[in-house]
Structure formats: C-alpha cells, structure tokens
Amino acid sequence: MFSLHFLAILSPKPDRVARVEEIAESVSNYVKENEPGVLQYQWFRTGTEEKPKIVVWEQYADQAAVDIHKSSPKLAWLIETEEKESNMQESIEVLPLEPFAGWAPQS
C-alpha cells in the first residue's frame, strides 16, 4: 500500500514571511509530537523576496492519518491565525500527489 502525499503551497506577504516561519515551527512541532501517522512534514522556502513561496511536503501513512491531521486543533489554530492576521497574499493551495514513477527510500 502506498502512503499519501500532498504539497501545500503558501504565498506569504513579503513582510509576513518571518511570522509564517514562526507558525510553521509551532505546527511542525505539534505534528511531530501528536500525529504518528504523519511520515514526513517539511516546510521549504522558495520564490523570490518580492514573491515568496513556502511549500509544505506532507506524507501520511494512510487516510486515517490524513483525517486526524485535518481535524487537529493545531490545524484549526493555523486557519484561525491566518483569518486574524492575514499573512498570505493568496489562499493556501493543497495538491494531492499520485506517485507514478521514480523511487523513494522505504521506511
């Protein structure tokens, strides 16, 4: 059985990147400590100074792990924080990934 992979693409406002990085640390720590079905949860910087992007690579053991993550209080906090602070230029885009070629180390 294949694990489930997603990319979340965030477009923070240039002057809010540091705040988004703080949020990322908080969410990542929560996921690591509380969601054992999450196999990989990494945040990456990309883009330019004028058009920053943050990409989150997420890998889950199964659909149950995805459901736990989606219903977690920390994810709800992340959404509430964005609504209050308006850190993003655009809505967060979440893309499910379907592997079809290549290889990855087996865990």
PDB file of N, CA and C in Angstrom:
ATOM      1  N   MET A   1       0.842  -1.185   0.000  1.00  0.00           N
ATOM      2  CA  MET A   1       0.000   0.000   0.000  1.00  0.00           C
ATOM      3  C   MET A   1       0.885   1.247   0.000  1.00  0.00           C
ATOM      4  N   PHE A   2       0.518   2.211  -0.822  1.00  0.00           N
ATOM      5  CA  PHE A   2       1.262   3.452  -0.920  1.00  0.00           C
ATOM      6  C   PHE A   2       0.829   4.418   0.179  1.00  0.00           C
ATOM      7  N   SER A   3       1.767   5.203   0.647  1.00  0.00           N
ATOM      8  CA  SER A   3       1.421   6.287   1.553  1.00  0.00           C
ATOM      9  C   SER A   3       0.812   7.421   0.722  1.00  0.00           C
ATOM     10  N   LEU A   4       0.228   8.382   1.399  1.00  0.00           N
ATOM     11  CA  LEU A   4      -0.432   9.504   0.735  1.00  0.00           C
ATOM     12  C   LEU A   4       0.450  10.740   0.849  1.00  0.00           C
ATOM     13  N   HIS A   5       0.606  11.449  -0.258  1.00  0.00           N
ATOM     14  CA  HIS A   5       1.470  12.622  -0.330  1.00  0.00           C
ATOM     15  C   HIS A   5       0.658  13.852  -0.748  1.00  0.00           C
ATOM     16  N   PHE A   6       1.056  15.002  -0.189  1.00  0.00           N
ATOM     17  CA  PHE A   6       0.433  16.278  -0.542  1.00  0.00           C
ATOM     18  C   PHE A   6       1.508  17.357  -0.567  1.00  0.00           C
ATOM     19  N   LEU A   7       1.276  18.372  -1.383  1.00  0.00           N
ATOM     20  CA  LEU A   7       2.047  19.607  -1.323  1.00  0.00           C
ATOM     21  C   LEU A   7       1.069  20.719  -0.969  1.00  0.00           C
ATOM     22  N   ALA A   8       1.438  21.513   0.005  1.00  0.00           N
ATOM     23  CA  ALA A   8       0.681  22.719   0.314  1.00  0.00           C
ATOM     24  C   ALA A   8       1.549  23.894  -0.125  1.00  0.00           C
ATOM     25  N   ILE A   9       0.976  24.801  -0.885  1.00  0.00           N
ATOM     26  CA  ILE A   9       1.716  25.946  -1.402  1.00  0.00           C
ATOM     27  C   ILE A   9       1.155  27.208  -0.753  1.00  0.00           C
ATOM     28  N   LEU A  10       2.026  27.920  -0.070  1.00  0.00           N
ATOM     29  CA  LEU A  10       1.655  29.142   0.629  1.00  0.00           C
ATOM     30  C   LEU A  10       2.350  30.321  -0.026  1.00  0.00           C
ATOM     31  N   SER A  11       1.663  31.432  -0.091  1.00  0.00           N
ATOM     32  CA  SER A  11       2.211  32.655  -0.675  1.00  0.00           C
ATOM     33  C   SER A  11       2.135  33.768   0.366  1.00  0.00           C
ATOM     34  N   PRO A  12       3.104  33.806   1.277  1.00  0.00           N
ATOM     35  CA  PRO A  12       3.050  34.843   2.313  1.00  0.00           C
ATOM     36  C   PRO A  12       3.341  36.225   1.742  1.00  0.00           C
ATOM     37  N   LYS A  13       2.784  37.228   2.390  1.00  0.00           N
ATOM     38  CA  LYS A  13       3.141  38.599   2.054  1.00  0.00           C
ATOM     39  C   LYS A  13       4.627  38.769   2.392  1.00  0.00           C
ATOM     40  N   PRO A  14       5.373  39.518   1.590  1.00  0.00           N
ATOM     41  CA  PRO A  14       6.812  39.646   1.843  1.00  0.00           C
ATOM     42  C   PRO A  14       7.168  40.078   3.263  1.00  0.00           C
ATOM     43  N   ASP A  15       6.366  40.950   3.844  1.00  0.00           N
ATOM     44  CA  ASP A  15       6.670  41.421   5.198  1.00  0.00           C
ATOM     45  C   ASP A  15       6.142  40.492   6.286  1.00  0.00           C
ATOM     46  N   ARG A  16       5.551  39.356   5.906  1.00  0.00           N
ATOM     47  CA  ARG A  16       4.978  38.413   6.876  1.00  0.00           C
ATOM     48  C   ARG A  16       5.678  37.052   6.857  1.00  0.00           C
ATOM     49  N   VAL A  17       6.748  36.927   6.085  1.00  0.00           N
ATOM     50  CA  VAL A  17       7.447  35.638   5.969  1.00  0.00           C
ATOM     51  C   VAL A  17       7.936  35.162   7.335  1.00  0.00           C
ATOM     52  N   ALA A  18       8.544  36.040   8.110  1.00  0.00           N
ATOM     53  CA  ALA A  18       9.064  35.639   9.431  1.00  0.00           C
ATOM     54  C   ALA A  18       7.933  35.114  10.312  1.00  0.00           C
ATOM     55  N   ARG A  19       6.772  35.734  10.267  1.00  0.00           N
ATOM     56  CA  ARG A  19       5.637  35.267  11.070  1.00  0.00           C
ATOM     57  C   ARG A  19       5.173  33.897  10.600  1.00  0.00           C
ATOM     58  N   VAL A  20       5.121  33.685   9.301  1.00  0.00           N
ATOM     59  CA  VAL A  20       4.718  32.383   8.769  1.00  0.00           C
ATOM     60  C   VAL A  20       5.731  31.316   9.184  1.00  0.00           C
ATOM     61  N   GLU A  21       7.005  31.659   9.223  1.00  0.00           N
ATOM     62  CA  GLU A  21       8.023  30.710   9.672  1.00  0.00           C
ATOM     63  C   GLU A  21       7.831  30.353  11.147  1.00  0.00           C
ATOM     64  N   GLU A  22       7.429  31.318  11.980  1.00  0.00           N
ATOM     65  CA  GLU A  22       7.115  31.031  13.386  1.00  0.00           C
ATOM     66  C   GLU A  22       5.941  30.059  13.490  1.00  0.00           C
ATOM     67  N   ILE A  23       4.920  30.320  12.701  1.00  0.00           N
ATOM     68  CA  ILE A  23       3.742  29.444  12.684  1.00  0.00           C
ATOM     69  C   ILE A  23       4.151  28.043  12.246  1.00  0.00           C
ATOM     70  N   ALA A  24       5.006  27.965  11.226  1.00  0.00           N
ATOM     71  CA  ALA A  24       5.472  26.671  10.716  1.00  0.00           C
ATOM     72  C   ALA A  24       6.157  25.867  11.816  1.00  0.00           C
ATOM     73  N   GLU A  25       7.005  26.508  12.593  1.00  0.00           N
ATOM     74  CA  GLU A  25       7.695  25.816  13.696  1.00  0.00           C
ATOM     75  C   GLU A  25       6.696  25.248  14.695  1.00  0.00           C
ATOM     76  N   SER A  26       5.715  26.056  15.050  1.00  0.00           N
ATOM     77  CA  SER A  26       4.706  25.623  16.014  1.00  0.00           C
ATOM     78  C   SER A  26       3.892  24.442  15.494  1.00  0.00           C
ATOM     79  N   VAL A  27       3.430  24.552  14.258  1.00  0.00           N
ATOM     80  CA  VAL A  27       2.624  23.477  13.664  1.00  0.00           C
ATOM     81  C   VAL A  27       3.472  22.219  13.486  1.00  0.00           C
ATOM     82  N   SER A  28       4.686  22.369  12.990  1.00  0.00           N
ATOM     83  CA  SER A  28       5.559  21.209  12.769  1.00  0.00           C
ATOM     84  C   SER A  28       5.839  20.470  14.066  1.00  0.00           C
ATOM     85  N   ASN A  29       6.126  21.212  15.129  1.00  0.00           N
ATOM     86  CA  ASN A  29       6.380  20.575  16.423  1.00  0.00           C
ATOM     87  C   ASN A  29       5.155  19.815  16.914  1.00  0.00           C
ATOM     88  N   TYR A  30       3.976  20.403  16.745  1.00  0.00           N
ATOM     89  CA  TYR A  30       2.749  19.732  17.147  1.00  0.00           C
ATOM     90  C   TYR A  30       2.558  18.433  16.366  1.00  0.00           C
ATOM     91  N   VAL A  31       2.719  18.500  15.059  1.00  0.00           N
ATOM     92  CA  VAL A  31       2.525  17.317  14.216  1.00  0.00           C
ATOM     93  C   VAL A  31       3.498  16.215  14.628  1.00  0.00           C
ATOM     94  N   LYS A  32       4.749  16.566  14.830  1.00  0.00           N
ATOM     95  CA  LYS A  32       5.759  15.567  15.215  1.00  0.00           C
ATOM     96  C   LYS A  32       5.399  14.887  16.539  1.00  0.00           C
ATOM     97  N   GLU A  33       4.917  15.658  17.492  1.00  0.00           N
ATOM     98  CA  GLU A  33       4.627  15.134  18.829  1.00  0.00           C
ATOM     99  C   GLU A  33       3.283  14.421  18.937  1.00  0.00           C
ATOM    100  N   ASN A  34       2.334  14.752  18.069  1.00  0.00           N
ATOM    101  CA  ASN A  34       0.954  14.287  18.268  1.00  0.00           C
ATOM    102  C   ASN A  34       0.347  13.482  17.131  1.00  0.00           C
ATOM    103  N   GLU A  35       1.029  13.384  15.999  1.00  0.00           N
ATOM    104  CA  GLU A  35       0.432  12.714  14.853  1.00  0.00           C
ATOM    105  C   GLU A  35       1.397  11.656  14.299  1.00  0.00           C
ATOM    106  N   PRO A  36       1.442  10.492  14.923  1.00  0.00           N
ATOM    107  CA  PRO A  36       2.408   9.467  14.497  1.00  0.00           C
ATOM    108  C   PRO A  36       2.176   8.931  13.087  1.00  0.00           C
ATOM    109  N   GLY A  37       1.006   9.119  12.531  1.00  0.00           N
ATOM    110  CA  GLY A  37       0.731   8.671  11.169  1.00  0.00           C
ATOM    111  C   GLY A  37       1.283   9.585  10.097  1.00  0.00           C
ATOM    112  N   VAL A  38       1.861  10.716  10.514  1.00  0.00           N
ATOM    113  CA  VAL A  38       2.493  11.620   9.558  1.00  0.00           C
ATOM    114  C   VAL A  38       3.942  11.169   9.410  1.00  0.00           C
ATOM    115  N   LEU A  39       4.300  10.729   8.219  1.00  0.00           N
ATOM    116  CA  LEU A  39       5.632  10.187   7.959  1.00  0.00           C
ATOM    117  C   LEU A  39       6.639  11.271   7.595  1.00  0.00           C
ATOM    118  N   GLN A  40       6.160  12.345   6.998  1.00  0.00           N
ATOM    119  CA  GLN A  40       7.029  13.450   6.604  1.00  0.00           C
ATOM    120  C   GLN A  40       6.198  14.716   6.610  1.00  0.00           C
ATOM    121  N   TYR A  41       6.792  15.776   7.152  1.00  0.00           N
ATOM    122  CA  TYR A  41       6.090  17.058   7.226  1.00  0.00           C
ATOM    123  C   TYR A  41       7.165  18.127   7.230  1.00  0.00           C
ATOM    124  N   GLN A  42       7.553  18.597   6.037  1.00  0.00           N
ATOM    125  CA  GLN A  42       8.651  19.542   5.900  1.00  0.00           C
ATOM    126  C   GLN A  42       8.194  20.805   5.190  1.00  0.00           C
ATOM    127  N   TRP A  43       8.659  21.937   5.689  1.00  0.00           N
ATOM    128  CA  TRP A  43       8.370  23.242   5.106  1.00  0.00           C
ATOM    129  C   TRP A  43       9.624  23.725   4.392  1.00  0.00           C
ATOM    130  N   PHE A  44       9.459  24.252   3.180  1.00  0.00           N
ATOM    131  CA  PHE A  44      10.578  24.719   2.352  1.00  0.00           C
ATOM    132  C   PHE A  44      10.313  26.151   1.902  1.00  0.00           C
ATOM    133  N   ARG A  45      11.378  26.940   1.832  1.00  0.00           N
ATOM    134  CA  ARG A  45      11.297  28.282   1.259  1.00  0.00           C
ATOM    135  C   ARG A  45      11.631  28.196  -0.226  1.00  0.00           C
ATOM    136  N   THR A  46      10.941  29.017  -1.025  1.00  0.00           N
ATOM    137  CA  THR A  46      11.240  29.142  -2.444  1.00  0.00           C
ATOM    138  C   THR A  46      10.712  30.498  -2.916  1.00  0.00           C
ATOM    139  N   GLY A  47      10.767  30.746  -4.180  1.00  0.00           N
ATOM    140  CA  GLY A  47      10.292  32.018  -4.709  1.00  0.00           C
ATOM    141  C   GLY A  47      11.358  33.096  -4.594  1.00  0.00           C
ATOM    142  N   THR A  48      10.909  34.333  -4.604  1.00  0.00           N
ATOM    143  CA  THR A  48      11.812  35.478  -4.531  1.00  0.00           C
ATOM    144  C   THR A  48      11.440  36.334  -3.318  1.00  0.00           C
ATOM    145  N   GLU A  49      12.263  37.329  -3.050  1.00  0.00           N
ATOM    146  CA  GLU A  49      11.969  38.230  -1.935  1.00  0.00           C
ATOM    147  C   GLU A  49      10.648  38.964  -2.163  1.00  0.00           C
ATOM    148  N   GLU A  50      10.389  39.335  -3.411  1.00  0.00           N
ATOM    149  CA  GLU A  50       9.152  40.044  -3.742  1.00  0.00           C
ATOM    150  C   GLU A  50       7.942  39.115  -3.802  1.00  0.00           C
ATOM    151  N   LYS A  51       8.170  37.862  -4.208  1.00  0.00           N
ATOM    152  CA  LYS A  51       7.090  36.874  -4.329  1.00  0.00           C
ATOM    153  C   LYS A  51       7.499  35.594  -3.612  1.00  0.00           C
ATOM    154  N   PRO A  52       7.557  35.650  -2.283  1.00  0.00           N
ATOM    155  CA  PRO A  52       7.971  34.452  -1.555  1.00  0.00           C
ATOM    156  C   PRO A  52       6.923  33.346  -1.634  1.00  0.00           C
ATOM    157  N   LYS A  53       7.401  32.136  -1.590  1.00  0.00           N
ATOM    158  CA  LYS A  53       6.542  30.954  -1.538  1.00  0.00           C
ATOM    159  C   LYS A  53       7.077  30.045  -0.450  1.00  0.00           C
ATOM    160  N   ILE A  54       6.187  29.332   0.173  1.00  0.00           N
ATOM    161  CA  ILE A  54       6.548  28.278   1.109  1.00  0.00           C
ATOM    162  C   ILE A  54       5.799  27.040   0.656  1.00  0.00           C
ATOM    163  N   VAL A  55       6.533  25.940   0.570  1.00  0.00           N
ATOM    164  CA  VAL A  55       5.948  24.677   0.140  1.00  0.00           C
ATOM    165  C   VAL A  55       6.064  23.689   1.294  1.00  0.00           C
ATOM    166  N   VAL A  56       4.963  23.032   1.609  1.00  0.00           N
ATOM    167  CA  VAL A  56       4.944  22.029   2.667  1.00  0.00           C
ATOM    168  C   VAL A  56       4.755  20.668   2.006  1.00  0.00           C
ATOM    169  N   TRP A  57       5.731  19.782   2.222  1.00  0.00           N
ATOM    170  CA  TRP A  57       5.639  18.420   1.702  1.00  0.00           C
ATOM    171  C   TRP A  57       5.134  17.549   2.833  1.00  0.00           C
ATOM    172  N   GLU A  58       3.999  16.923   2.607  1.00  0.00           N
ATOM    173  CA  GLU A  58       3.347  16.113   3.624  1.00  0.00           C
ATOM    174  C   GLU A  58       3.220  14.676   3.132  1.00  0.00           C
ATOM    175  N   GLN A  59       3.551  13.724   3.993  1.00  0.00           N
ATOM    176  CA  GLN A  59       3.397  12.311   3.673  1.00  0.00           C
ATOM    177  C   GLN A  59       2.718  11.631   4.857  1.00  0.00           C
ATOM    178  N   TYR A  60       1.657  10.899   4.557  1.00  0.00           N
ATOM    179  CA  TYR A  60       0.848  10.245   5.582  1.00  0.00           C
ATOM    180  C   TYR A  60       0.835   8.737   5.365  1.00  0.00           C
ATOM    181  N   ALA A  61       0.790   7.992   6.452  1.00  0.00           N
ATOM    182  CA  ALA A  61       0.774   6.534   6.372  1.00  0.00           C
ATOM    183  C   ALA A  61      -0.487   6.018   5.690  1.00  0.00           C
ATOM    184  N   ASP A  62      -1.613   6.686   5.929  1.00  0.00           N
ATOM    185  CA  ASP A  62      -2.892   6.229   5.381  1.00  0.00           C
ATOM    186  C   ASP A  62      -3.927   7.346   5.492  1.00  0.00           C
ATOM    187  N   GLN A  63      -5.130   7.066   5.028  1.00  0.00           N
ATOM    188  CA  GLN A  63      -6.197   8.076   5.053  1.00  0.00           C
ATOM    189  C   GLN A  63      -6.564   8.459   6.480  1.00  0.00           C
ATOM    190  N   ALA A  64      -6.497   7.524   7.400  1.00  0.00           N
ATOM    191  CA  ALA A  64      -6.804   7.842   8.802  1.00  0.00           C
ATOM    192  C   ALA A  64      -5.862   8.923   9.330  1.00  0.00           C
ATOM    193  N   ALA A  65      -4.585   8.847   8.966  1.00  0.00           N
ATOM    194  CA  ALA A  65      -3.613   9.860   9.399  1.00  0.00           C
ATOM    195  C   ALA A  65      -3.937  11.227   8.791  1.00  0.00           C
ATOM    196  N   VAL A  66      -4.381  11.230   7.534  1.00  0.00           N
ATOM    197  CA  VAL A  66      -4.798  12.484   6.892  1.00  0.00           C
ATOM    198  C   VAL A  66      -5.992  13.067   7.643  1.00  0.00           C
ATOM    199  N   ASP A  67      -6.953  12.220   7.964  1.00  0.00           N
ATOM    200  CA  ASP A  67      -8.160  12.684   8.653  1.00  0.00           C
ATOM    201  C   ASP A  67      -7.833  13.246  10.035  1.00  0.00           C
ATOM    202  N   ILE A  68      -6.920  12.604  10.749  1.00  0.00           N
ATOM    203  CA  ILE A  68      -6.500  13.104  12.067  1.00  0.00           C
ATOM    204  C   ILE A  68      -5.858  14.473  11.910  1.00  0.00           C
ATOM    205  N   HIS A  69      -4.995  14.616  10.915  1.00  0.00           N
ATOM    206  CA  HIS A  69      -4.329  15.904  10.698  1.00  0.00           C
ATOM    207  C   HIS A  69      -5.355  16.995  10.358  1.00  0.00           C
ATOM    208  N   LYS A  70      -6.269  16.682   9.467  1.00  0.00           N
ATOM    209  CA  LYS A  70      -7.253  17.671   9.031  1.00  0.00           C
ATOM    210  C   LYS A  70      -8.177  18.109  10.165  1.00  0.00           C
ATOM    211  N   SER A  71      -8.368  17.253  11.168  1.00  0.00           N
ATOM    212  CA  SER A  71      -9.263  17.599  12.273  1.00  0.00           C
ATOM    213  C   SER A  71      -8.506  18.016  13.539  1.00  0.00           C
ATOM    214  N   SER A  72      -7.198  18.190  13.439  1.00  0.00           N
ATOM    215  CA  SER A  72      -6.401  18.517  14.627  1.00  0.00           C
ATOM    216  C   SER A  72      -6.667  19.953  15.096  1.00  0.00           C
ATOM    217  N   PRO A  73      -6.571  20.162  16.395  1.00  0.00           N
ATOM    218  CA  PRO A  73      -6.744  21.521  16.909  1.00  0.00           C
ATOM    219  C   PRO A  73      -5.649  22.477  16.417  1.00  0.00           C
ATOM    220  N   LYS A  74      -4.477  21.956  16.125  1.00  0.00           N
ATOM    221  CA  LYS A  74      -3.396  22.823  15.659  1.00  0.00           C
ATOM    222  C   LYS A  74      -3.660  23.320  14.241  1.00  0.00           C
ATOM    223  N   LEU A  75      -4.233  22.472  13.382  1.00  0.00           N
ATOM    224  CA  LEU A  75      -4.589  22.928  12.039  1.00  0.00           C
ATOM    225  C   LEU A  75      -5.707  23.975  12.123  1.00  0.00           C
ATOM    226  N   ALA A  76      -6.651  23.760  13.034  1.00  0.00           N
ATOM    227  CA  ALA A  76      -7.705  24.759  13.241  1.00  0.00           C
ATOM    228  C   ALA A  76      -7.093  26.071  13.716  1.00  0.00           C
ATOM    229  N   TRP A  77      -6.097  25.993  14.603  1.00  0.00           N
ATOM    230  CA  TRP A  77      -5.396  27.191  15.074  1.00  0.00           C
ATOM    231  C   TRP A  77      -4.703  27.900  13.918  1.00  0.00           C
ATOM    232  N   LEU A  78      -4.050  27.138  13.032  1.00  0.00           N
ATOM    233  CA  LEU A  78      -3.366  27.726  11.876  1.00  0.00           C
ATOM    234  C   LEU A  78      -4.364  28.501  11.014  1.00  0.00           C
ATOM    235  N   ILE A  79      -5.513  27.927  10.757  1.00  0.00           N
ATOM    236  CA  ILE A  79      -6.540  28.575   9.929  1.00  0.00           C
ATOM    237  C   ILE A  79      -7.081  29.825  10.626  1.00  0.00           C
ATOM    238  N   GLU A  80      -7.362  29.728  11.925  1.00  0.00           N
ATOM    239  CA  GLU A  80      -7.845  30.884  12.683  1.00  0.00           C
ATOM    240  C   GLU A  80      -6.805  32.002  12.703  1.00  0.00           C
ATOM    241  N   THR A  81      -5.541  31.628  12.870  1.00  0.00           N
ATOM    242  CA  THR A  81      -4.464  32.609  12.901  1.00  0.00           C
ATOM    243  C   THR A  81      -4.388  33.349  11.572  1.00  0.00           C
ATOM    244  N   GLU A  82      -4.506  32.616  10.473  1.00  0.00           N
ATOM    245  CA  GLU A  82      -4.473  33.270   9.156  1.00  0.00           C
ATOM    246  C   GLU A  82      -5.652  34.221   8.995  1.00  0.00           C
ATOM    247  N   GLU A  83      -6.828  33.803   9.445  1.00  0.00           N
ATOM    248  CA  GLU A  83      -8.002  34.677   9.328  1.00  0.00           C
ATOM    249  C   GLU A  83      -7.806  35.964  10.123  1.00  0.00           C
ATOM    250  N   LYS A  84      -7.176  35.881  11.296  1.00  0.00           N
ATOM    251  CA  LYS A  84      -6.951  37.058  12.145  1.00  0.00           C
ATOM    252  C   LYS A  84      -5.823  37.937  11.619  1.00  0.00           C
ATOM    253  N   GLU A  85      -4.732  37.311  11.162  1.00  0.00           N
ATOM    254  CA  GLU A  85      -3.517  38.058  10.846  1.00  0.00           C
ATOM    255  C   GLU A  85      -3.349  38.402   9.369  1.00  0.00           C
ATOM    256  N   SER A  86      -4.000  37.673   8.495  1.00  0.00           N
ATOM    257  CA  SER A  86      -3.897  37.900   7.049  1.00  0.00           C
ATOM    258  C   SER A  86      -2.434  37.938   6.585  1.00  0.00           C
ATOM    259  N   ASN A  87      -1.732  36.838   6.811  1.00  0.00           N
ATOM    260  CA  ASN A  87      -0.324  36.723   6.448  1.00  0.00           C
ATOM    261  C   ASN A  87      -0.102  36.382   4.972  1.00  0.00           C
ATOM    262  N   MET A  88      -1.119  35.893   4.299  1.00  0.00           N
ATOM    263  CA  MET A  88      -0.960  35.382   2.940  1.00  0.00           C
ATOM    264  C   MET A  88      -1.443  36.372   1.882  1.00  0.00           C
ATOM    265  N   GLN A  89      -0.788  36.312   0.721  1.00  0.00           N
ATOM    266  CA  GLN A  89      -1.225  37.080  -0.448  1.00  0.00           C
ATOM    267  C   GLN A  89      -2.355  36.370  -1.175  1.00  0.00           C
ATOM    268  N   GLU A  90      -2.347  35.038  -1.097  1.00  0.00           N
ATOM    269  CA  GLU A  90      -3.319  34.190  -1.794  1.00  0.00           C
ATOM    270  C   GLU A  90      -3.757  33.077  -0.863  1.00  0.00           C
ATOM    271  N   SER A  91      -4.836  32.409  -1.227  1.00  0.00           N
ATOM    272  CA  SER A  91      -5.282  31.253  -0.454  1.00  0.00           C
ATOM    273  C   SER A  91      -4.245  30.142  -0.530  1.00  0.00           C
ATOM    274  N   ILE A  92      -4.170  29.355   0.535  1.00  0.00           N
ATOM    275  CA  ILE A  92      -3.277  28.193   0.553  1.00  0.00           C
ATOM    276  C   ILE A  92      -3.821  27.155  -0.421  1.00  0.00           C
ATOM    277  N   GLU A  93      -2.945  26.618  -1.233  1.00  0.00           N
ATOM    278  CA  GLU A  93      -3.329  25.592  -2.212  1.00  0.00           C
ATOM    279  C   GLU A  93      -2.766  24.254  -1.750  1.00  0.00           C
ATOM    280  N   VAL A  94      -3.619  23.239  -1.662  1.00  0.00           N
ATOM    281  CA  VAL A  94      -3.185  21.898  -1.265  1.00  0.00           C
ATOM    282  C   VAL A  94      -3.383  20.979  -2.462  1.00  0.00           C
ATOM    283  N   LEU A  95      -2.285  20.334  -2.871  1.00  0.00           N
ATOM    284  CA  LEU A  95      -2.305  19.458  -4.036  1.00  0.00           C
ATOM    285  C   LEU A  95      -2.028  18.014  -3.619  1.00  0.00           C
ATOM    286  N   PRO A  96      -2.968  17.102  -3.856  1.00  0.00           N
ATOM    287  CA  PRO A  96      -2.656  15.693  -3.631  1.00  0.00           C
ATOM    288  C   PRO A  96      -1.702  15.217  -4.719  1.00  0.00           C
ATOM    289  N   LEU A  97      -0.756  14.379  -4.347  1.00  0.00           N
ATOM    290  CA  LEU A  97       0.225  13.858  -5.300  1.00  0.00           C
ATOM    291  C   LEU A  97       0.012  12.364  -5.481  1.00  0.00           C
ATOM    292  N   GLU A  98       0.083  11.920  -6.724  1.00  0.00           N
ATOM    293  CA  GLU A  98      -0.059  10.500  -7.028  1.00  0.00           C
ATOM    294  C   GLU A  98       1.238  10.016  -7.671  1.00  0.00           C
ATOM    295  N   PRO A  99       2.037   9.238  -6.928  1.00  0.00           N
ATOM    296  CA  PRO A  99       3.291   8.748  -7.496  1.00  0.00           C
ATOM    297  C   PRO A  99       3.019   7.845  -8.710  1.00  0.00           C
ATOM    298  N   PHE A 100       3.844   7.979  -9.727  1.00  0.00           N
ATOM    299  CA  PHE A 100       3.695   7.097 -10.886  1.00  0.00           C
ATOM    300  C   PHE A 100       5.035   6.628 -11.444  1.00  0.00           C
ATOM    301  N   ALA A 101       6.141   7.243 -11.027  1.00  0.00           N
ATOM    302  CA  ALA A 101       7.475   6.812 -11.487  1.00  0.00           C
ATOM    303  C   ALA A 101       8.496   7.261 -10.465  1.00  0.00           C
ATOM    304  N   GLY A 102       9.656   6.668 -10.499  1.00  0.00           N
ATOM    305  CA  GLY A 102      10.731   7.041  -9.602  1.00  0.00           C
ATOM    306  C   GLY A 102      10.832   6.095  -8.426  1.00  0.00           C
ATOM    307  N   TRP A 103      11.552   6.529  -7.411  1.00  0.00           N
ATOM    308  CA  TRP A 103      11.761   5.685  -6.238  1.00  0.00           C
ATOM    309  C   TRP A 103      11.919   6.560  -5.004  1.00  0.00           C
ATOM    310  N   ALA A 104      11.739   5.967  -3.852  1.00  0.00           N
ATOM    311  CA  ALA A 104      11.934   6.633  -2.566  1.00  0.00           C
ATOM    312  C   ALA A 104      12.425   5.579  -1.582  1.00  0.00           C
ATOM    313  N   PRO A 105      13.195   5.984  -0.590  1.00  0.00           N
ATOM    314  CA  PRO A 105      13.645   5.008   0.397  1.00  0.00           C
ATOM    315  C   PRO A 105      12.462   4.418   1.139  1.00  0.00           C
ATOM    316  N   GLN A 106      12.545   3.177   1.486  1.00  0.00           N
ATOM    317  CA  GLN A 106      11.494   2.503   2.233  1.00  0.00           C
ATOM    318  C   GLN A 106      11.721   2.734   3.729  1.00  0.00           C
ATOM    319  N   SER A 107      10.642   3.097   4.437  1.00  0.00           N
ATOM    320  CA  SER A 107      10.795   3.306   5.885  1.00  0.00           C
ATOM    321  C   SER A 107      10.393   2.081   6.657  1.00  0.00           C
TER     322      SER A 107
END
